[in-house]
Amino acid sequence: MRGSDPTSQTASKAGPYMVKKYASGFKDGTRFGGGTIYYPEDADPPFASAVFCPGWLAVQSQVAPWGPFLASHGIVLMIIDTNTTGDDVETRSGALLDALDSLKGENTRSGSPLSGKLDTMRMGLMGWSMGGGGTWIDASQHPELKTAVTVAGHILTAPGHDLSKIKVPTLMIAGTGDDPILGLGMSQPVYEAIPADTPKMLYEISGASHFAFNDPSFNSWAVGRYALSWQKVFLEGDMRYRQFLLEKGPNASDFRSNVK
């Protein structure tokens, strides 16, 4: 735990820490196309961390607001590009893991701003659209991950994965204004597939489009507050944020959770 006790207001805006970023120096894995690492400069380490993959035809800049938001609350986030914007879900699942390995390596790389500052036992994945589908696939195969967070997750074009194997605490945020080809209705069957003893939550927002979740401030910061609180509780182990996961989000068309 770090910082003062959180409130709904402090969890719904940028945090207290100064954010820095860098986009070179780390291992350039072959399965992803570069990235940017956002980190809190003036918070006390060790830091939990995650990797975020964008969706089909998208680049990291489209989801860039997530980096400063989480880093300002003390969580390191690496947002990546894929090798091509047309990479499929399976390829994105590999890109996430390759980038996670690169991020982990920053803890021991000489000259890294994060050398000796990462808790490599507290790492998670995030994804938008096809990046969300890749996150679900990885979560089903890598129980050592601490969290999986998806926004408008897409899995339609990557059938055949046994998501009932997911043991990673999983948060899904979606919208009724999505497209059925892109993400509409895809988070619900994933929620149902995840075992009852795995922490899971689905927050679907009435009218929200596929592109509504690129900024954590969407829906009066409810999207950011849920994602931050999920990472704080299950990635960092800061139970002070659990209270915000027990509140039904505003404009919810579908809200399901087994978190008590």
C-alpha atoms as a PDB file:
ATOM      1  CA  MET A   1       0.000   0.000   0.000  1.00  0.00           C
ATOM      2  CA  ARG A   2       1.146   3.515  -0.709  1.00  0.00           C
ATOM      3  CA  GLY A   3      -0.333   6.947  -0.239  1.00  0.00           C
ATOM      4  CA  SER A   4      -3.338   8.174   1.680  1.00  0.00           C
ATOM      5  CA  ASP A   5      -6.514   6.142   2.010  1.00  0.00           C
ATOM      6  CA  PRO A   6      -8.333   6.354  -1.327  1.00  0.00           C
ATOM      7  CA  THR A   7     -11.760   7.827  -1.899  1.00  0.00           C
ATOM      8  CA  SER A   8     -14.060   7.477  -4.876  1.00  0.00           C
ATOM      9  CA  GLN A   9     -12.895  10.937  -5.937  1.00  0.00           C
ATOM     10  CA  THR A  10      -9.164  10.212  -5.736  1.00  0.00           C
ATOM     11  CA  ALA A  11      -9.634   6.926  -7.607  1.00  0.00           C
ATOM     12  CA  SER A  12     -11.461   8.806 -10.355  1.00  0.00           C
ATOM     13  CA  LYS A  13      -8.690  11.123 -11.494  1.00  0.00           C
ATOM     14  CA  ALA A  14      -4.941  11.212 -11.981  1.00  0.00           C
ATOM     15  CA  GLY A  15      -3.009  10.081  -8.932  1.00  0.00           C
ATOM     16  CA  PRO A  16      -0.418  11.919  -6.851  1.00  0.00           C
ATOM     17  CA  TYR A  17       2.766  10.669  -8.519  1.00  0.00           C
ATOM     18  CA  MET A  18       4.814  12.309 -11.245  1.00  0.00           C
ATOM     19  CA  VAL A  19       4.858  10.207 -14.400  1.00  0.00           C
ATOM     20  CA  LYS A  20       7.774   9.611 -16.731  1.00  0.00           C
ATOM     21  CA  LYS A  21       7.977   7.442 -19.819  1.00  0.00           C
ATOM     22  CA  TYR A  22      10.492   5.924 -22.205  1.00  0.00           C
ATOM     23  CA  ALA A  23      10.190   4.036 -25.480  1.00  0.00           C
ATOM     24  CA  SER A  24      13.650   2.561 -26.066  1.00  0.00           C
ATOM     25  CA  GLY A  25      16.400   0.653 -24.324  1.00  0.00           C
ATOM     26  CA  PHE A  26      14.331  -2.354 -23.311  1.00  0.00           C
ATOM     27  CA  LYS A  27      14.568  -5.692 -25.116  1.00  0.00           C
ATOM     28  CA  ASP A  28      12.973  -5.411 -28.552  1.00  0.00           C
ATOM     29  CA  GLY A  29      11.008  -8.652 -28.675  1.00  0.00           C
ATOM     30  CA  THR A  30      10.248 -10.120 -32.090  1.00  0.00           C
ATOM     31  CA  ARG A  31       6.534 -10.621 -31.414  1.00  0.00           C
ATOM     32  CA  PHE A  32       5.587  -7.003 -30.724  1.00  0.00           C
ATOM     33  CA  GLY A  33       6.305  -3.767 -32.525  1.00  0.00           C
ATOM     34  CA  GLY A  34       7.684  -1.493 -29.850  1.00  0.00           C
ATOM     35  CA  GLY A  35       6.104   0.213 -26.893  1.00  0.00           C
ATOM     36  CA  THR A  36       6.177   2.919 -24.270  1.00  0.00           C
ATOM     37  CA  ILE A  37       6.725   2.312 -20.558  1.00  0.00           C
ATOM     38  CA  TYR A  38       5.018   4.706 -18.138  1.00  0.00           C
ATOM     39  CA  TYR A  39       6.199   4.727 -14.539  1.00  0.00           C
ATOM     40  CA  PRO A  40       5.852   6.768 -11.347  1.00  0.00           C
ATOM     41  CA  GLU A  41       9.060   8.689 -10.732  1.00  0.00           C
ATOM     42  CA  ASP A  42       8.498   9.720  -7.130  1.00  0.00           C
ATOM     43  CA  ALA A  43       6.651   6.740  -5.637  1.00  0.00           C
ATOM     44  CA  ASP A  44       8.433   4.203  -3.465  1.00  0.00           C
ATOM     45  CA  PRO A  45       9.177   0.892  -5.231  1.00  0.00           C
ATOM     46  CA  PRO A  46       8.727  -1.980  -5.755  1.00  0.00           C
ATOM     47  CA  PHE A  47       6.083  -1.472  -8.434  1.00  0.00           C
ATOM     48  CA  ALA A  48       3.496  -3.840  -9.811  1.00  0.00           C
ATOM     49  CA  SER A  49       3.190  -3.654 -13.588  1.00  0.00           C
ATOM     50  CA  ALA A  50       1.129  -4.614 -16.620  1.00  0.00           C
ATOM     51  CA  VAL A  51       1.258  -4.649 -20.417  1.00  0.00           C
ATOM     52  CA  PHE A  52      -1.574  -3.179 -22.531  1.00  0.00           C
ATOM     53  CA  CYS A  53      -2.256  -4.258 -26.146  1.00  0.00           C
ATOM     54  CA  PRO A  54      -4.495  -2.190 -28.458  1.00  0.00           C
ATOM     55  CA  GLY A  55      -6.982  -3.580 -30.958  1.00  0.00           C
ATOM     56  CA  TRP A  56      -7.215  -4.348 -34.646  1.00  0.00           C
ATOM     57  CA  LEU A  57      -5.943  -1.523 -36.895  1.00  0.00           C
ATOM     58  CA  ALA A  58      -5.069   0.481 -33.749  1.00  0.00           C
ATOM     59  CA  VAL A  59      -1.768   1.799 -32.434  1.00  0.00           C
ATOM     60  CA  GLN A  60      -0.570   2.491 -28.927  1.00  0.00           C
ATOM     61  CA  SER A  61      -1.288   6.207 -29.111  1.00  0.00           C
ATOM     62  CA  GLN A  62      -5.016   5.459 -29.252  1.00  0.00           C
ATOM     63  CA  VAL A  63      -4.974   4.034 -25.728  1.00  0.00           C
ATOM     64  CA  ALA A  64      -2.094   6.172 -24.425  1.00  0.00           C
ATOM     65  CA  PRO A  65      -4.138   7.895 -21.666  1.00  0.00           C
ATOM     66  CA  TRP A  66      -4.098   4.633 -19.711  1.00  0.00           C
ATOM     67  CA  GLY A  67      -0.334   4.913 -19.197  1.00  0.00           C
ATOM     68  CA  PRO A  68      -0.180   8.195 -17.278  1.00  0.00           C
ATOM     69  CA  PHE A  69      -3.349   7.338 -15.352  1.00  0.00           C
ATOM     70  CA  LEU A  70      -2.133   4.056 -13.877  1.00  0.00           C
ATOM     71  CA  ALA A  71       1.448   5.273 -13.431  1.00  0.00           C
ATOM     72  CA  SER A  72       0.232   8.318 -11.521  1.00  0.00           C
ATOM     73  CA  HIS A  73      -1.274   5.857  -9.046  1.00  0.00           C
ATOM     74  CA  GLY A  74       1.959   3.892  -8.679  1.00  0.00           C
ATOM     75  CA  ILE A  75       1.489   1.125 -11.274  1.00  0.00           C
ATOM     76  CA  VAL A  76       3.917   0.695 -14.188  1.00  0.00           C
ATOM     77  CA  LEU A  77       2.202   0.237 -17.557  1.00  0.00           C
ATOM     78  CA  MET A  78       3.778  -0.702 -20.866  1.00  0.00           C
ATOM     79  CA  ILE A  79       1.565   0.052 -23.867  1.00  0.00           C
ATOM     80  CA  ILE A  80       2.646  -1.746 -27.011  1.00  0.00           C
ATOM     81  CA  ASP A  81       2.230  -1.705 -30.756  1.00  0.00           C
ATOM     82  CA  THR A  82       1.784  -4.959 -32.619  1.00  0.00           C
ATOM     83  CA  ASN A  83       4.061  -5.864 -35.522  1.00  0.00           C
ATOM     84  CA  THR A  84       1.233  -4.969 -37.901  1.00  0.00           C
ATOM     85  CA  THR A  85      -2.043  -3.302 -37.018  1.00  0.00           C
ATOM     86  CA  GLY A  86      -3.806  -6.234 -38.690  1.00  0.00           C
ATOM     87  CA  ASP A  87      -2.340  -8.858 -36.369  1.00  0.00           C
ATOM     88  CA  ASP A  88      -4.976 -11.369 -35.276  1.00  0.00           C
ATOM     89  CA  VAL A  89      -6.000 -12.293 -31.749  1.00  0.00           C
ATOM     90  CA  GLU A  90      -3.588 -15.214 -31.497  1.00  0.00           C
ATOM     91  CA  THR A  91      -0.675 -13.052 -32.604  1.00  0.00           C
ATOM     92  CA  ARG A  92      -1.622 -10.388 -30.077  1.00  0.00           C
ATOM     93  CA  SER A  93      -1.617 -12.949 -27.280  1.00  0.00           C
ATOM     94  CA  GLY A  94       2.002 -13.699 -28.178  1.00  0.00           C
ATOM     95  CA  ALA A  95       2.832 -10.005 -28.405  1.00  0.00           C
ATOM     96  CA  LEU A  96       1.542  -9.453 -24.871  1.00  0.00           C
ATOM     97  CA  LEU A  97       3.689 -12.223 -23.425  1.00  0.00           C
ATOM     98  CA  ASP A  98       6.785 -11.120 -25.346  1.00  0.00           C
ATOM     99  CA  ALA A  99       6.328  -7.552 -24.119  1.00  0.00           C
ATOM    100  CA  LEU A 100       5.752  -8.787 -20.576  1.00  0.00           C
ATOM    101  CA  ASP A 101       9.119 -10.538 -20.765  1.00  0.00           C
ATOM    102  CA  SER A 102      10.731  -7.312 -21.966  1.00  0.00           C
ATOM    103  CA  LEU A 103       9.127  -5.357 -19.138  1.00  0.00           C
ATOM    104  CA  LYS A 104      10.272  -7.938 -16.600  1.00  0.00           C
ATOM    105  CA  GLY A 105      13.805  -7.571 -17.939  1.00  0.00           C
ATOM    106  CA  GLU A 106      13.801  -3.888 -17.045  1.00  0.00           C
ATOM    107  CA  ASN A 107      14.183  -4.915 -13.414  1.00  0.00           C
ATOM    108  CA  THR A 108      17.695  -6.208 -14.087  1.00  0.00           C
ATOM    109  CA  ARG A 109      18.828  -4.208 -17.121  1.00  0.00           C
ATOM    110  CA  SER A 110      21.724  -1.896 -16.386  1.00  0.00           C
ATOM    111  CA  GLY A 111      20.672   1.695 -16.981  1.00  0.00           C
ATOM    112  CA  SER A 112      16.962   0.981 -16.895  1.00  0.00           C
ATOM    113  CA  PRO A 113      14.903   3.608 -15.031  1.00  0.00           C
ATOM    114  CA  LEU A 114      13.166   0.631 -13.392  1.00  0.00           C
ATOM    115  CA  SER A 115      16.266  -1.344 -12.449  1.00  0.00           C
ATOM    116  CA  GLY A 116      15.595  -3.012  -9.107  1.00  0.00           C
ATOM    117  CA  LYS A 117      12.191  -1.315  -8.849  1.00  0.00           C
ATOM    118  CA  LEU A 118       9.766  -3.913 -10.224  1.00  0.00           C
ATOM    119  CA  ASP A 119       8.022  -6.632  -8.265  1.00  0.00           C
ATOM    120  CA  THR A 120       8.227  -9.271 -10.989  1.00  0.00           C
ATOM    121  CA  MET A 121       5.803 -11.489  -9.101  1.00  0.00           C
ATOM    122  CA  ARG A 122       3.059  -8.884  -9.578  1.00  0.00           C
ATOM    123  CA  MET A 123       2.487  -8.549 -13.312  1.00  0.00           C
ATOM    124  CA  GLY A 124      -0.701  -8.489 -15.357  1.00  0.00           C
ATOM    125  CA  LEU A 125      -2.160  -7.950 -18.824  1.00  0.00           C
ATOM    126  CA  MET A 126      -4.641  -5.510 -20.326  1.00  0.00           C
ATOM    127  CA  GLY A 127      -6.184  -5.263 -23.766  1.00  0.00           C
ATOM    128  CA  TRP A 128      -8.678  -3.437 -25.918  1.00  0.00           C
ATOM    129  CA  SER A 129     -10.710  -5.285 -28.570  1.00  0.00           C
ATOM    130  CA  MET A 130      -8.446  -7.976 -30.116  1.00  0.00           C
ATOM    131  CA  GLY A 131      -5.894  -7.047 -27.480  1.00  0.00           C
ATOM    132  CA  GLY A 132      -8.550  -8.032 -24.974  1.00  0.00           C
ATOM    133  CA  GLY A 133      -9.013 -11.355 -26.719  1.00  0.00           C
ATOM    134  CA  GLY A 134      -5.272 -11.943 -26.510  1.00  0.00           C
ATOM    135  CA  THR A 135      -5.444 -11.102 -22.817  1.00  0.00           C
ATOM    136  CA  TRP A 136      -8.148 -13.734 -22.243  1.00  0.00           C
ATOM    137  CA  ILE A 137      -6.141 -16.375 -24.115  1.00  0.00           C
ATOM    138  CA  ASP A 138      -3.011 -15.650 -22.090  1.00  0.00           C
ATOM    139  CA  ALA A 139      -4.969 -15.646 -18.839  1.00  0.00           C
ATOM    140  CA  SER A 140      -6.276 -19.132 -19.657  1.00  0.00           C
ATOM    141  CA  GLN A 141      -2.735 -20.429 -20.170  1.00  0.00           C
ATOM    142  CA  HIS A 142      -0.705 -18.492 -17.590  1.00  0.00           C
ATOM    143  CA  PRO A 143      -2.172 -18.714 -14.091  1.00  0.00           C
ATOM    144  CA  GLU A 144       0.927 -16.968 -12.716  1.00  0.00           C
ATOM    145  CA  LEU A 145      -0.449 -13.665 -14.004  1.00  0.00           C
ATOM    146  CA  LYS A 146      -2.017 -11.546 -11.292  1.00  0.00           C
ATOM    147  CA  THR A 147      -4.663  -9.721 -13.339  1.00  0.00           C
ATOM    148  CA  ALA A 148      -6.397  -9.572 -16.691  1.00  0.00           C
ATOM    149  CA  VAL A 149      -8.322  -6.421 -17.617  1.00  0.00           C
ATOM    150  CA  THR A 150     -10.158  -6.034 -20.930  1.00  0.00           C
ATOM    151  CA  VAL A 151     -12.141  -3.223 -22.525  1.00  0.00           C
ATOM    152  CA  ALA A 152     -14.501  -4.098 -25.394  1.00  0.00           C
ATOM    153  CA  GLY A 153     -12.783  -7.478 -25.623  1.00  0.00           C
ATOM    154  CA  HIS A 154     -13.021  -9.396 -28.920  1.00  0.00           C
ATOM    155  CA  ILE A 155     -12.758 -13.198 -29.129  1.00  0.00           C
ATOM    156  CA  LEU A 156     -15.051 -14.030 -32.094  1.00  0.00           C
ATOM    157  CA  THR A 157     -12.189 -14.655 -34.525  1.00  0.00           C
ATOM    158  CA  ALA A 158     -10.224 -16.852 -32.115  1.00  0.00           C
ATOM    159  CA  PRO A 159     -12.578 -19.704 -31.197  1.00  0.00           C
ATOM    160  CA  GLY A 160     -11.545 -22.958 -29.579  1.00  0.00           C
ATOM    161  CA  HIS A 161      -9.821 -21.628 -26.472  1.00  0.00           C
ATOM    162  CA  ASP A 162     -10.875 -23.104 -23.157  1.00  0.00           C
ATOM    163  CA  LEU A 163     -11.487 -19.956 -21.147  1.00  0.00           C
ATOM    164  CA  SER A 164     -12.849 -22.066 -18.303  1.00  0.00           C
ATOM    165  CA  LYS A 165      -9.187 -22.544 -17.408  1.00  0.00           C
ATOM    166  CA  ILE A 166      -8.811 -18.884 -16.425  1.00  0.00           C
ATOM    167  CA  LYS A 167      -7.584 -18.652 -12.839  1.00  0.00           C
ATOM    168  CA  VAL A 168      -6.426 -15.049 -13.168  1.00  0.00           C
ATOM    169  CA  PRO A 169      -8.655 -12.360 -11.594  1.00  0.00           C
ATOM    170  CA  THR A 170     -10.423 -10.907 -14.635  1.00  0.00           C
ATOM    171  CA  LEU A 171     -12.230  -7.590 -15.126  1.00  0.00           C
ATOM    172  CA  MET A 172     -14.224  -7.024 -18.321  1.00  0.00           C
ATOM    173  CA  ILE A 173     -15.652  -3.644 -19.359  1.00  0.00           C
ATOM    174  CA  ALA A 174     -17.936  -3.481 -22.386  1.00  0.00           C
ATOM    175  CA  GLY A 175     -20.705  -1.411 -23.982  1.00  0.00           C
ATOM    176  CA  THR A 176     -24.109  -1.945 -25.576  1.00  0.00           C
ATOM    177  CA  GLY A 177     -23.201   0.488 -28.362  1.00  0.00           C
ATOM    178  CA  ASP A 178     -20.469  -1.846 -29.603  1.00  0.00           C
ATOM    179  CA  ASP A 179     -20.599  -3.672 -32.933  1.00  0.00           C
ATOM    180  CA  PRO A 180     -21.398  -7.428 -32.909  1.00  0.00           C
ATOM    181  CA  ILE A 181     -18.364  -8.038 -35.117  1.00  0.00           C
ATOM    182  CA  LEU A 182     -16.024  -6.029 -32.892  1.00  0.00           C
ATOM    183  CA  GLY A 183     -17.019  -6.826 -29.323  1.00  0.00           C
ATOM    184  CA  LEU A 184     -20.720  -6.635 -28.586  1.00  0.00           C
ATOM    185  CA  GLY A 185     -21.845  -9.488 -26.368  1.00  0.00           C
ATOM    186  CA  MET A 186     -18.429 -11.180 -26.295  1.00  0.00           C
ATOM    187  CA  SER A 187     -17.573 -10.441 -22.667  1.00  0.00           C
ATOM    188  CA  GLN A 188     -20.700 -12.169 -21.320  1.00  0.00           C
ATOM    189  CA  PRO A 189     -19.800 -15.716 -22.439  1.00  0.00           C
ATOM    190  CA  VAL A 190     -16.254 -15.177 -21.211  1.00  0.00           C
ATOM    191  CA  TYR A 191     -17.608 -14.173 -17.804  1.00  0.00           C
ATOM    192  CA  GLU A 192     -19.775 -17.296 -17.735  1.00  0.00           C
ATOM    193  CA  ALA A 193     -16.854 -19.513 -18.755  1.00  0.00           C
ATOM    194  CA  ILE A 194     -14.514 -18.279 -16.030  1.00  0.00           C
ATOM    195  CA  PRO A 195     -14.794 -20.551 -12.966  1.00  0.00           C
ATOM    196  CA  ALA A 196     -16.815 -19.340 -10.001  1.00  0.00           C
ATOM    197  CA  ASP A 197     -13.771 -19.487  -7.732  1.00  0.00           C
ATOM    198  CA  THR A 198     -11.829 -17.035  -9.928  1.00  0.00           C
ATOM    199  CA  PRO A 199     -12.447 -13.367  -9.062  1.00  0.00           C
ATOM    200  CA  LYS A 200     -14.326 -11.893 -12.012  1.00  0.00           C
ATOM    201  CA  MET A 201     -16.391  -8.852 -12.880  1.00  0.00           C
ATOM    202  CA  LEU A 202     -18.333  -7.660 -15.920  1.00  0.00           C
ATOM    203  CA  TYR A 203     -19.355  -4.024 -16.266  1.00  0.00           C
ATOM    204  CA  GLU A 204     -21.290  -3.260 -19.441  1.00  0.00           C
ATOM    205  CA  ILE A 205     -22.171   0.397 -20.013  1.00  0.00           C
ATOM    206  CA  SER A 206     -25.392   1.397 -21.728  1.00  0.00           C
ATOM    207  CA  GLY A 207     -24.725   3.037 -25.089  1.00  0.00           C
ATOM    208  CA  ALA A 208     -20.924   2.795 -24.906  1.00  0.00           C
ATOM    209  CA  SER A 209     -19.288   2.208 -28.283  1.00  0.00           C
ATOM    210  CA  HIS A 210     -16.309   0.030 -29.147  1.00  0.00           C
ATOM    211  CA  PHE A 211     -14.079   3.103 -29.031  1.00  0.00           C
ATOM    212  CA  ALA A 212     -15.372   4.557 -25.767  1.00  0.00           C
ATOM    213  CA  PHE A 213     -12.779   2.945 -23.534  1.00  0.00           C
ATOM    214  CA  ASN A 214      -9.567   4.400 -24.939  1.00  0.00           C
ATOM    215  CA  ASP A 215      -9.507   6.903 -22.087  1.00  0.00           C
ATOM    216  CA  PRO A 216     -10.012   5.992 -18.419  1.00  0.00           C
ATOM    217  CA  SER A 217     -12.026   9.184 -17.899  1.00  0.00           C
ATOM    218  CA  PHE A 218     -14.974   7.762 -19.866  1.00  0.00           C
ATOM    219  CA  ASN A 219     -18.363   7.617 -18.105  1.00  0.00           C
ATOM    220  CA  SER A 220     -17.337  10.132 -15.441  1.00  0.00           C
ATOM    221  CA  TRP A 221     -14.147   8.161 -14.728  1.00  0.00           C
ATOM    222  CA  ALA A 222     -16.076   4.986 -13.828  1.00  0.00           C
ATOM    223  CA  VAL A 223     -14.010   3.023 -16.361  1.00  0.00           C
ATOM    224  CA  GLY A 224     -10.730   4.222 -14.871  1.00  0.00           C
ATOM    225  CA  ARG A 225     -11.922   3.750 -11.288  1.00  0.00           C
ATOM    226  CA  TYR A 226     -12.887   0.118 -11.877  1.00  0.00           C
ATOM    227  CA  ALA A 227      -9.681  -0.720 -13.746  1.00  0.00           C
ATOM    228  CA  LEU A 228      -7.500   1.035 -11.183  1.00  0.00           C
ATOM    229  CA  SER A 229      -9.292  -0.607  -8.269  1.00  0.00           C
ATOM    230  CA  TRP A 230      -8.987  -4.052  -9.879  1.00  0.00           C
ATOM    231  CA  GLN A 231      -5.249  -3.548 -10.341  1.00  0.00           C
ATOM    232  CA  LYS A 232      -4.829  -2.168  -6.854  1.00  0.00           C
ATOM    233  CA  VAL A 233      -6.632  -5.090  -5.208  1.00  0.00           C
ATOM    234  CA  PHE A 234      -5.451  -8.054  -7.271  1.00  0.00           C
ATOM    235  CA  LEU A 235      -2.175  -6.802  -8.774  1.00  0.00           C
ATOM    236  CA  GLU A 236      -0.800  -4.796  -5.857  1.00  0.00           C
ATOM    237  CA  GLY A 237      -2.738  -6.381  -3.008  1.00  0.00           C
ATOM    238  CA  ASP A 238      -4.080  -3.056  -1.733  1.00  0.00           C
ATOM    239  CA  MET A 239      -7.441  -4.019  -0.254  1.00  0.00           C
ATOM    240  CA  ARG A 240      -8.383  -0.411   0.486  1.00  0.00           C
ATOM    241  CA  TYR A 241      -9.663  -0.207  -3.095  1.00  0.00           C
ATOM    242  CA  ARG A 242     -11.972  -3.223  -2.782  1.00  0.00           C
ATOM    243  CA  GLN A 243     -14.823  -0.948  -1.692  1.00  0.00           C
ATOM    244  CA  PHE A 244     -15.006   0.587  -5.175  1.00  0.00           C
ATOM    245  CA  LEU A 245     -15.466  -2.827  -6.770  1.00  0.00           C
ATOM    246  CA  LEU A 246     -18.571  -3.442  -4.687  1.00  0.00           C
ATOM    247  CA  GLU A 247     -20.421  -0.453  -6.167  1.00  0.00           C
ATOM    248  CA  LYS A 248     -22.548  -0.956  -9.274  1.00  0.00           C
ATOM    249  CA  GLY A 249     -21.142   1.327 -11.942  1.00  0.00           C
ATOM    250  CA  PRO A 250     -23.155   4.200 -13.408  1.00  0.00           C
ATOM    251  CA  ASN A 251     -25.187   3.559 -16.563  1.00  0.00           C
ATOM    252  CA  ALA A 252     -24.707  -0.189 -16.177  1.00  0.00           C
ATOM    253  CA  SER A 253     -26.750  -2.339 -18.560  1.00  0.00           C
ATOM    254  CA  ASP A 254     -25.140  -5.533 -17.253  1.00  0.00           C
ATOM    255  CA  PHE A 255     -23.196  -5.763 -14.013  1.00  0.00           C
ATOM    256  CA  ARG A 256     -21.977  -9.119 -12.702  1.00  0.00           C
ATOM    257  CA  SER A 257     -19.407  -9.863 -10.063  1.00  0.00           C
ATOM    258  CA  ASN A 258     -18.376 -12.552  -7.618  1.00  0.00           C
ATOM    259  CA  VAL A 259     -16.178 -10.144  -5.650  1.00  0.00           C
ATOM    260  CA  LYS A 260     -17.430  -9.748  -2.095  1.00  0.00           C
END
